């Protein structure tokens, strides 16, 4: 018999957006392995008696970091403890939750996957940007702007995406925003297509910069926007000034 590992999504930033199931598991966990983007308020929900271990991966960390996290999950599970692997957003939307589940399966460890609100959706909603809309968008795609450095070639086909969907949500792409926009334009996307960059979405520190594909790179630098940020491209961005319901810093 072993313990169980729960791969849990903590939501996009606002601590009140975490699920009831996630809170329940945090209250019962023996060990919590948590990521960089999990808010302090959510960490405060964990009982003081629970062992808490920070396993957040910083930008630039080598790929062996994930191996250490995997080993910790196995180590504690073999002592029959219940482990919460707590991730920002949703565990399997660019969160390596799928890889961790594969690893646990290979090692015959019981696990469950608990969904969370991904930042790509949460930040857009808090910015008053509906990712789909009957008049403006019938399709949406979620794309990583930062692919696995071990890949030999970039897999994302930006030029094809430019002509394939109405709304593009790019996560972890801030440092490459100029390159991405150039590729989208090369694929046929109109230079005047609206773009929003949302920093610290759903939190009190939320900031939004709105421009177009042609000038968003300059605006991001001018406004000193930093990670974590999400990029939203499409006509729906124009609705932010109309239905945006939350004051931004």
C-alpha atoms as a PDB file:
ATOM      1  CA  UNK A   1       0.000   0.000   0.000  1.00  0.00           C
ATOM      2  CA  UNK A   2       1.144   3.540  -0.756  1.00  0.00           C
ATOM      3  CA  UNK A   3      -0.171   7.016  -0.171  1.00  0.00           C
ATOM      4  CA  UNK A   4      -2.011   9.023  -2.822  1.00  0.00           C
ATOM      5  CA  UNK A   5      -0.722  11.986  -4.809  1.00  0.00           C
ATOM      6  CA  UNK A   6      -3.286  14.648  -5.692  1.00  0.00           C
ATOM      7  CA  UNK A   7      -2.326  16.840  -8.649  1.00  0.00           C
ATOM      8  CA  UNK A   8      -4.269  19.971  -7.744  1.00  0.00           C
ATOM      9  CA  UNK A   9      -4.919  23.234  -9.580  1.00  0.00           C
ATOM     10  CA  UNK A  10      -4.790  26.295  -7.307  1.00  0.00           C
ATOM     11  CA  UNK A  11      -6.464  28.618  -9.805  1.00  0.00           C
ATOM     12  CA  UNK A  12      -5.224  31.763 -11.572  1.00  0.00           C
ATOM     13  CA  UNK A  13      -4.200  33.953  -8.637  1.00  0.00           C
ATOM     14  CA  UNK A  14      -7.248  35.145  -6.701  1.00  0.00           C
ATOM     15  CA  UNK A  15      -7.318  32.820  -3.691  1.00  0.00           C
ATOM     16  CA  UNK A  16     -11.130  32.738  -3.756  1.00  0.00           C
ATOM     17  CA  UNK A  17     -11.074  31.020  -7.139  1.00  0.00           C
ATOM     18  CA  UNK A  18      -9.625  27.786  -5.755  1.00  0.00           C
ATOM     19  CA  UNK A  19     -12.106  24.880  -5.780  1.00  0.00           C
ATOM     20  CA  UNK A  20     -13.792  23.405  -2.717  1.00  0.00           C
ATOM     21  CA  UNK A  21     -12.222  20.041  -3.551  1.00  0.00           C
ATOM     22  CA  UNK A  22      -8.757  21.604  -3.578  1.00  0.00           C
ATOM     23  CA  UNK A  23      -9.301  23.224  -0.174  1.00  0.00           C
ATOM     24  CA  UNK A  24     -10.602  19.927   1.211  1.00  0.00           C
ATOM     25  CA  UNK A  25      -7.461  18.118   0.085  1.00  0.00           C
ATOM     26  CA  UNK A  26      -5.162  20.820   1.460  1.00  0.00           C
ATOM     27  CA  UNK A  27      -6.804  20.404   4.868  1.00  0.00           C
ATOM     28  CA  UNK A  28      -6.185  16.646   4.837  1.00  0.00           C
ATOM     29  CA  UNK A  29      -2.744  16.488   3.237  1.00  0.00           C
ATOM     30  CA  UNK A  30       0.347  15.233   5.058  1.00  0.00           C
ATOM     31  CA  UNK A  31       2.660  16.973   2.595  1.00  0.00           C
ATOM     32  CA  UNK A  32       2.115  19.828   0.109  1.00  0.00           C
ATOM     33  CA  UNK A  33       4.563  20.371  -2.749  1.00  0.00           C
ATOM     34  CA  UNK A  34       3.740  23.800  -4.133  1.00  0.00           C
ATOM     35  CA  UNK A  35       4.723  25.903  -7.139  1.00  0.00           C
ATOM     36  CA  UNK A  36       5.948  29.481  -7.569  1.00  0.00           C
ATOM     37  CA  UNK A  37       2.604  30.920  -8.698  1.00  0.00           C
ATOM     38  CA  UNK A  38       0.527  29.647  -5.777  1.00  0.00           C
ATOM     39  CA  UNK A  39      -0.573  32.679  -3.746  1.00  0.00           C
ATOM     40  CA  UNK A  40       0.415  33.257  -0.116  1.00  0.00           C
ATOM     41  CA  UNK A  41      -3.261  33.307   0.865  1.00  0.00           C
ATOM     42  CA  UNK A  42      -3.697  29.770  -0.464  1.00  0.00           C
ATOM     43  CA  UNK A  43      -0.545  28.608   1.302  1.00  0.00           C
ATOM     44  CA  UNK A  44      -2.060  30.067   4.497  1.00  0.00           C
ATOM     45  CA  UNK A  45      -5.031  27.685   4.086  1.00  0.00           C
ATOM     46  CA  UNK A  46      -2.725  24.739   4.738  1.00  0.00           C
ATOM     47  CA  UNK A  47      -2.639  23.582   8.390  1.00  0.00           C
ATOM     48  CA  UNK A  48       0.551  24.529  10.257  1.00  0.00           C
ATOM     49  CA  UNK A  49       1.161  20.877  11.065  1.00  0.00           C
ATOM     50  CA  UNK A  50       1.356  19.959   7.350  1.00  0.00           C
ATOM     51  CA  UNK A  51       4.797  19.677   5.809  1.00  0.00           C
ATOM     52  CA  UNK A  52       5.128  22.300   3.059  1.00  0.00           C
ATOM     53  CA  UNK A  53       7.877  22.082   0.442  1.00  0.00           C
ATOM     54  CA  UNK A  54       8.487  24.695  -2.227  1.00  0.00           C
ATOM     55  CA  UNK A  55       9.260  23.076  -5.580  1.00  0.00           C
ATOM     56  CA  UNK A  56       8.604  26.066  -7.847  1.00  0.00           C
ATOM     57  CA  UNK A  57      10.597  26.177 -11.040  1.00  0.00           C
ATOM     58  CA  UNK A  58      12.138  29.539 -11.812  1.00  0.00           C
ATOM     59  CA  UNK A  59      12.772  30.797 -15.358  1.00  0.00           C
ATOM     60  CA  UNK A  60      16.117  29.432 -16.479  1.00  0.00           C
ATOM     61  CA  UNK A  61      16.188  26.455 -14.096  1.00  0.00           C
ATOM     62  CA  UNK A  62      17.561  23.312 -15.699  1.00  0.00           C
ATOM     63  CA  UNK A  63      15.298  20.415 -16.590  1.00  0.00           C
ATOM     64  CA  UNK A  64      16.544  18.274 -13.697  1.00  0.00           C
ATOM     65  CA  UNK A  65      14.319  20.352 -11.411  1.00  0.00           C
ATOM     66  CA  UNK A  66      11.287  18.313 -12.502  1.00  0.00           C
ATOM     67  CA  UNK A  67      13.133  15.104 -11.696  1.00  0.00           C
ATOM     68  CA  UNK A  68      13.585  16.298  -8.097  1.00  0.00           C
ATOM     69  CA  UNK A  69       9.851  16.972  -7.798  1.00  0.00           C
ATOM     70  CA  UNK A  70       9.041  13.532  -9.190  1.00  0.00           C
ATOM     71  CA  UNK A  71      11.350  11.892  -6.670  1.00  0.00           C
ATOM     72  CA  UNK A  72       9.753  13.753  -3.780  1.00  0.00           C
ATOM     73  CA  UNK A  73       6.271  12.583  -4.803  1.00  0.00           C
ATOM     74  CA  UNK A  74       7.427   8.964  -4.894  1.00  0.00           C
ATOM     75  CA  UNK A  75       9.377   9.281  -1.647  1.00  0.00           C
ATOM     76  CA  UNK A  76       6.410  10.537   0.374  1.00  0.00           C
ATOM     77  CA  UNK A  77       3.866   8.257  -1.321  1.00  0.00           C
ATOM     78  CA  UNK A  78       5.930   5.228  -0.324  1.00  0.00           C
ATOM     79  CA  UNK A  79       5.611   6.268   3.316  1.00  0.00           C
ATOM     80  CA  UNK A  80       1.821   6.020   2.892  1.00  0.00           C
ATOM     81  CA  UNK A  81       1.336   9.772   3.142  1.00  0.00           C
ATOM     82  CA  UNK A  82      -1.207  11.794   1.203  1.00  0.00           C
ATOM     83  CA  UNK A  83       0.535  14.359  -0.950  1.00  0.00           C
ATOM     84  CA  UNK A  84      -0.910  17.429  -2.655  1.00  0.00           C
ATOM     85  CA  UNK A  85       1.111  18.570  -5.641  1.00  0.00           C
ATOM     86  CA  UNK A  86      -0.221  22.122  -5.812  1.00  0.00           C
ATOM     87  CA  UNK A  87       0.083  24.017  -9.088  1.00  0.00           C
ATOM     88  CA  UNK A  88      -0.979  27.475 -10.207  1.00  0.00           C
ATOM     89  CA  UNK A  89      -3.895  27.517 -12.647  1.00  0.00           C
ATOM     90  CA  UNK A  90      -4.870  24.075 -13.919  1.00  0.00           C
ATOM     91  CA  UNK A  91      -2.437  21.160 -13.433  1.00  0.00           C
ATOM     92  CA  UNK A  92      -2.640  19.879 -17.004  1.00  0.00           C
ATOM     93  CA  UNK A  93      -2.783  23.140 -18.967  1.00  0.00           C
ATOM     94  CA  UNK A  94       0.934  23.855 -19.497  1.00  0.00           C
ATOM     95  CA  UNK A  95       1.507  22.690 -15.941  1.00  0.00           C
ATOM     96  CA  UNK A  96       3.340  19.368 -16.448  1.00  0.00           C
ATOM     97  CA  UNK A  97       0.548  17.593 -14.623  1.00  0.00           C
ATOM     98  CA  UNK A  98       0.235  15.105 -17.450  1.00  0.00           C
ATOM     99  CA  UNK A  99       3.929  14.253 -17.231  1.00  0.00           C
ATOM    100  CA  UNK A 100       3.733  13.842 -13.467  1.00  0.00           C
ATOM    101  CA  UNK A 101       0.693  11.586 -13.765  1.00  0.00           C
ATOM    102  CA  UNK A 102       2.603   9.428 -16.262  1.00  0.00           C
ATOM    103  CA  UNK A 103       5.515   9.172 -13.835  1.00  0.00           C
ATOM    104  CA  UNK A 104       3.242   8.195 -10.952  1.00  0.00           C
ATOM    105  CA  UNK A 105       1.515   5.588 -13.119  1.00  0.00           C
ATOM    106  CA  UNK A 106       4.858   4.069 -14.089  1.00  0.00           C
ATOM    107  CA  UNK A 107       5.789   3.812 -10.427  1.00  0.00           C
ATOM    108  CA  UNK A 108       2.447   2.309  -9.401  1.00  0.00           C
ATOM    109  CA  UNK A 109       1.477   5.264  -7.198  1.00  0.00           C
ATOM    110  CA  UNK A 110      -2.197   6.154  -6.746  1.00  0.00           C
ATOM    111  CA  UNK A 111      -3.130   9.627  -7.923  1.00  0.00           C
ATOM    112  CA  UNK A 112      -6.021  11.941  -8.712  1.00  0.00           C
ATOM    113  CA  UNK A 113      -6.084  15.069 -10.904  1.00  0.00           C
ATOM    114  CA  UNK A 114      -8.102  18.015  -9.581  1.00  0.00           C
ATOM    115  CA  UNK A 115      -8.794  20.721 -12.198  1.00  0.00           C
ATOM    116  CA  UNK A 116      -8.375  24.426 -11.532  1.00  0.00           C
ATOM    117  CA  UNK A 117      -9.214  27.611 -13.416  1.00  0.00           C
ATOM    118  CA  UNK A 118      -6.361  28.179 -15.834  1.00  0.00           C
ATOM    119  CA  UNK A 119      -4.862  31.678 -15.874  1.00  0.00           C
ATOM    120  CA  UNK A 120      -5.606  31.946 -19.581  1.00  0.00           C
ATOM    121  CA  UNK A 121      -9.322  31.967 -18.793  1.00  0.00           C
ATOM    122  CA  UNK A 122      -9.257  33.658 -15.384  1.00  0.00           C
ATOM    123  CA  UNK A 123      -7.167  36.652 -16.421  1.00  0.00           C
ATOM    124  CA  UNK A 124      -9.299  37.237 -19.525  1.00  0.00           C
ATOM    125  CA  UNK A 125     -12.520  37.150 -17.491  1.00  0.00           C
ATOM    126  CA  UNK A 126     -11.181  39.588 -14.900  1.00  0.00           C
ATOM    127  CA  UNK A 127     -10.113  41.887 -17.743  1.00  0.00           C
ATOM    128  CA  UNK A 128     -13.601  41.881 -19.271  1.00  0.00           C
ATOM    129  CA  UNK A 129     -12.496  39.915 -22.334  1.00  0.00           C
ATOM    130  CA  UNK A 130     -14.856  37.061 -23.356  1.00  0.00           C
ATOM    131  CA  UNK A 131     -12.683  34.559 -25.195  1.00  0.00           C
ATOM    132  CA  UNK A 132     -15.687  33.550 -27.289  1.00  0.00           C
ATOM    133  CA  UNK A 133     -18.538  35.785 -28.435  1.00  0.00           C
ATOM    134  CA  UNK A 134     -21.317  35.193 -30.965  1.00  0.00           C
ATOM    135  CA  UNK A 135     -20.365  38.267 -32.984  1.00  0.00           C
ATOM    136  CA  UNK A 136     -16.592  38.141 -32.788  1.00  0.00           C
ATOM    137  CA  UNK A 137     -15.194  34.739 -31.886  1.00  0.00           C
ATOM    138  CA  UNK A 138     -16.350  31.179 -32.476  1.00  0.00           C
ATOM    139  CA  UNK A 139     -12.979  29.585 -31.725  1.00  0.00           C
ATOM    140  CA  UNK A 140     -10.151  29.963 -29.232  1.00  0.00           C
ATOM    141  CA  UNK A 141      -6.715  28.376 -28.942  1.00  0.00           C
ATOM    142  CA  UNK A 142      -4.375  28.183 -25.953  1.00  0.00           C
ATOM    143  CA  UNK A 143      -0.717  28.245 -26.933  1.00  0.00           C
ATOM    144  CA  UNK A 144       2.503  28.210 -24.962  1.00  0.00           C
ATOM    145  CA  UNK A 145       4.928  30.950 -25.870  1.00  0.00           C
ATOM    146  CA  UNK A 146       7.780  29.079 -24.223  1.00  0.00           C
ATOM    147  CA  UNK A 147       8.346  25.580 -25.540  1.00  0.00           C
ATOM    148  CA  UNK A 148      10.481  22.835 -24.028  1.00  0.00           C
ATOM    149  CA  UNK A 149      14.122  23.859 -24.629  1.00  0.00           C
ATOM    150  CA  UNK A 150      14.988  20.219 -25.332  1.00  0.00           C
ATOM    151  CA  UNK A 151      12.880  20.227 -28.506  1.00  0.00           C
ATOM    152  CA  UNK A 152      15.016  20.325 -31.638  1.00  0.00           C
ATOM    153  CA  UNK A 153      12.502  22.470 -33.522  1.00  0.00           C
ATOM    154  CA  UNK A 154       9.684  24.808 -32.515  1.00  0.00           C
ATOM    155  CA  UNK A 155       6.418  22.900 -32.771  1.00  0.00           C
ATOM    156  CA  UNK A 156       3.952  25.793 -32.621  1.00  0.00           C
ATOM    157  CA  UNK A 157       2.936  26.795 -36.153  1.00  0.00           C
ATOM    158  CA  UNK A 158       2.284  30.493 -35.585  1.00  0.00           C
ATOM    159  CA  UNK A 159       1.678  31.259 -39.246  1.00  0.00           C
ATOM    160  CA  UNK A 160      -1.039  28.604 -39.444  1.00  0.00           C
ATOM    161  CA  UNK A 161      -2.630  29.727 -36.193  1.00  0.00           C
ATOM    162  CA  UNK A 162      -2.941  33.242 -37.623  1.00  0.00           C
ATOM    163  CA  UNK A 163      -5.555  32.015 -40.111  1.00  0.00           C
ATOM    164  CA  UNK A 164      -7.130  29.207 -38.071  1.00  0.00           C
ATOM    165  CA  UNK A 165      -8.825  30.724 -35.010  1.00  0.00           C
ATOM    166  CA  UNK A 166     -10.584  33.894 -33.860  1.00  0.00           C
ATOM    167  CA  UNK A 167      -8.993  34.280 -30.415  1.00  0.00           C
ATOM    168  CA  UNK A 168      -5.417  33.381 -29.481  1.00  0.00           C
ATOM    169  CA  UNK A 169      -4.397  33.027 -25.828  1.00  0.00           C
ATOM    170  CA  UNK A 170      -0.642  32.850 -25.315  1.00  0.00           C
ATOM    171  CA  UNK A 171       0.742  31.784 -21.956  1.00  0.00           C
ATOM    172  CA  UNK A 172       4.376  32.278 -20.929  1.00  0.00           C
ATOM    173  CA  UNK A 173       5.103  34.254 -24.094  1.00  0.00           C
ATOM    174  CA  UNK A 174       5.934  37.740 -22.823  1.00  0.00           C
ATOM    175  CA  UNK A 175       9.670  37.561 -23.537  1.00  0.00           C
ATOM    176  CA  UNK A 176       8.958  36.508 -27.140  1.00  0.00           C
ATOM    177  CA  UNK A 177       6.014  38.775 -27.871  1.00  0.00           C
ATOM    178  CA  UNK A 178       7.765  40.654 -30.703  1.00  0.00           C
ATOM    179  CA  UNK A 179       8.837  37.444 -32.450  1.00  0.00           C
ATOM    180  CA  UNK A 180       5.395  35.857 -32.041  1.00  0.00           C
ATOM    181  CA  UNK A 181       3.579  38.904 -33.427  1.00  0.00           C
ATOM    182  CA  UNK A 182       5.893  39.049 -36.440  1.00  0.00           C
ATOM    183  CA  UNK A 183       5.203  35.400 -37.215  1.00  0.00           C
ATOM    184  CA  UNK A 184       1.456  35.889 -36.884  1.00  0.00           C
ATOM    185  CA  UNK A 185       1.570  38.857 -39.275  1.00  0.00           C
ATOM    186  CA  UNK A 186       3.663  36.777 -41.682  1.00  0.00           C
ATOM    187  CA  UNK A 187       0.862  34.220 -41.519  1.00  0.00           C
ATOM    188  CA  UNK A 188      -1.717  36.779 -42.583  1.00  0.00           C
ATOM    189  CA  UNK A 189      -2.960  38.290 -39.319  1.00  0.00           C
ATOM    190  CA  UNK A 190      -3.953  41.945 -39.697  1.00  0.00           C
ATOM    191  CA  UNK A 191      -1.441  44.271 -37.991  1.00  0.00           C
ATOM    192  CA  UNK A 192      -4.324  46.184 -36.419  1.00  0.00           C
ATOM    193  CA  UNK A 193      -5.732  43.127 -34.634  1.00  0.00           C
ATOM    194  CA  UNK A 194      -6.296  44.067 -30.959  1.00  0.00           C
ATOM    195  CA  UNK A 195      -3.984  42.580 -28.331  1.00  0.00           C
ATOM    196  CA  UNK A 196      -4.181  42.614 -24.542  1.00  0.00           C
ATOM    197  CA  UNK A 197      -1.363  41.713 -22.184  1.00  0.00           C
ATOM    198  CA  UNK A 198      -2.528  40.962 -18.643  1.00  0.00           C
ATOM    199  CA  UNK A 199      -0.017  40.898 -15.808  1.00  0.00           C
ATOM    200  CA  UNK A 200      -0.866  39.199 -12.497  1.00  0.00           C
ATOM    201  CA  UNK A 201      -4.372  38.437 -13.709  1.00  0.00           C
ATOM    202  CA  UNK A 202      -7.204  38.148 -11.117  1.00  0.00           C
ATOM    203  CA  UNK A 203      -5.021  39.579  -8.320  1.00  0.00           C
ATOM    204  CA  UNK A 204      -5.065  43.088  -6.784  1.00  0.00           C
ATOM    205  CA  UNK A 205      -1.863  43.751  -8.760  1.00  0.00           C
ATOM    206  CA  UNK A 206      -3.533  43.061 -12.117  1.00  0.00           C
ATOM    207  CA  UNK A 207      -2.380  45.341 -14.942  1.00  0.00           C
ATOM    208  CA  UNK A 208      -3.674  45.413 -18.513  1.00  0.00           C
ATOM    209  CA  UNK A 209      -2.022  46.906 -21.575  1.00  0.00           C
ATOM    210  CA  UNK A 210      -4.066  47.020 -24.777  1.00  0.00           C
ATOM    211  CA  UNK A 211      -2.673  47.680 -28.224  1.00  0.00           C
ATOM    212  CA  UNK A 212      -2.411  46.045 -31.614  1.00  0.00           C
ATOM    213  CA  UNK A 213      -0.231  43.345 -33.079  1.00  0.00           C
ATOM    214  CA  UNK A 214       1.951  46.088 -34.584  1.00  0.00           C
ATOM    215  CA  UNK A 215       2.646  48.052 -31.395  1.00  0.00           C
ATOM    216  CA  UNK A 216       2.063  45.774 -28.390  1.00  0.00           C
ATOM    217  CA  UNK A 217       5.773  44.955 -28.025  1.00  0.00           C
ATOM    218  CA  UNK A 218       6.638  48.651 -27.569  1.00  0.00           C
ATOM    219  CA  UNK A 219       3.721  49.215 -25.179  1.00  0.00           C
ATOM    220  CA  UNK A 220       4.755  46.285 -22.982  1.00  0.00           C
ATOM    221  CA  UNK A 221       8.242  47.766 -22.607  1.00  0.00           C
ATOM    222  CA  UNK A 222       6.876  51.278 -22.048  1.00  0.00           C
ATOM    223  CA  UNK A 223       4.520  50.107 -19.292  1.00  0.00           C
ATOM    224  CA  UNK A 224       7.212  47.803 -17.825  1.00  0.00           C
ATOM    225  CA  UNK A 225       4.979  44.733 -17.906  1.00  0.00           C
ATOM    226  CA  UNK A 226       6.564  41.679 -16.301  1.00  0.00           C
ATOM    227  CA  UNK A 227       5.834  37.974 -15.956  1.00  0.00           C
ATOM    228  CA  UNK A 228       3.553  36.293 -15.106  1.00  0.00           C
ATOM    229  CA  UNK A 229       1.495  37.663 -17.979  1.00  0.00           C
ATOM    230  CA  UNK A 230      -0.946  36.291 -20.523  1.00  0.00           C
ATOM    231  CA  UNK A 231      -1.384  37.588 -24.065  1.00  0.00           C
ATOM    232  CA  UNK A 232      -4.805  37.650 -25.740  1.00  0.00           C
ATOM    233  CA  UNK A 233      -5.138  38.392 -29.452  1.00  0.00           C
ATOM    234  CA  UNK A 234      -8.403  38.901 -31.325  1.00  0.00           C
ATOM    235  CA  UNK A 235     -11.419  41.150 -31.843  1.00  0.00           C
ATOM    236  CA  UNK A 236     -12.812  40.213 -28.418  1.00  0.00           C
ATOM    237  CA  UNK A 237     -10.052  42.284 -26.807  1.00  0.00           C
ATOM    238  CA  UNK A 238     -11.991  45.384 -27.880  1.00  0.00           C
ATOM    239  CA  UNK A 239     -14.767  44.444 -25.449  1.00  0.00           C
ATOM    240  CA  UNK A 240     -12.539  45.038 -22.441  1.00  0.00           C
ATOM    241  CA  UNK A 241     -13.286  48.778 -22.447  1.00  0.00           C
ATOM    242  CA  UNK A 242     -17.010  48.051 -22.740  1.00  0.00           C
ATOM    243  CA  UNK A 243     -17.696  45.230 -20.292  1.00  0.00           C
ATOM    244  CA  UNK A 244     -14.569  45.297 -18.125  1.00  0.00           C
ATOM    245  CA  UNK A 245     -15.933  45.050 -14.578  1.00  0.00           C
ATOM    246  CA  UNK A 246     -12.793  45.221 -12.466  1.00  0.00           C
ATOM    247  CA  UNK A 247     -10.612  48.234 -11.778  1.00  0.00           C
ATOM    248  CA  UNK A 248      -6.981  47.623 -12.632  1.00  0.00           C
ATOM    249  CA  UNK A 249      -3.949  49.012 -10.855  1.00  0.00           C
END
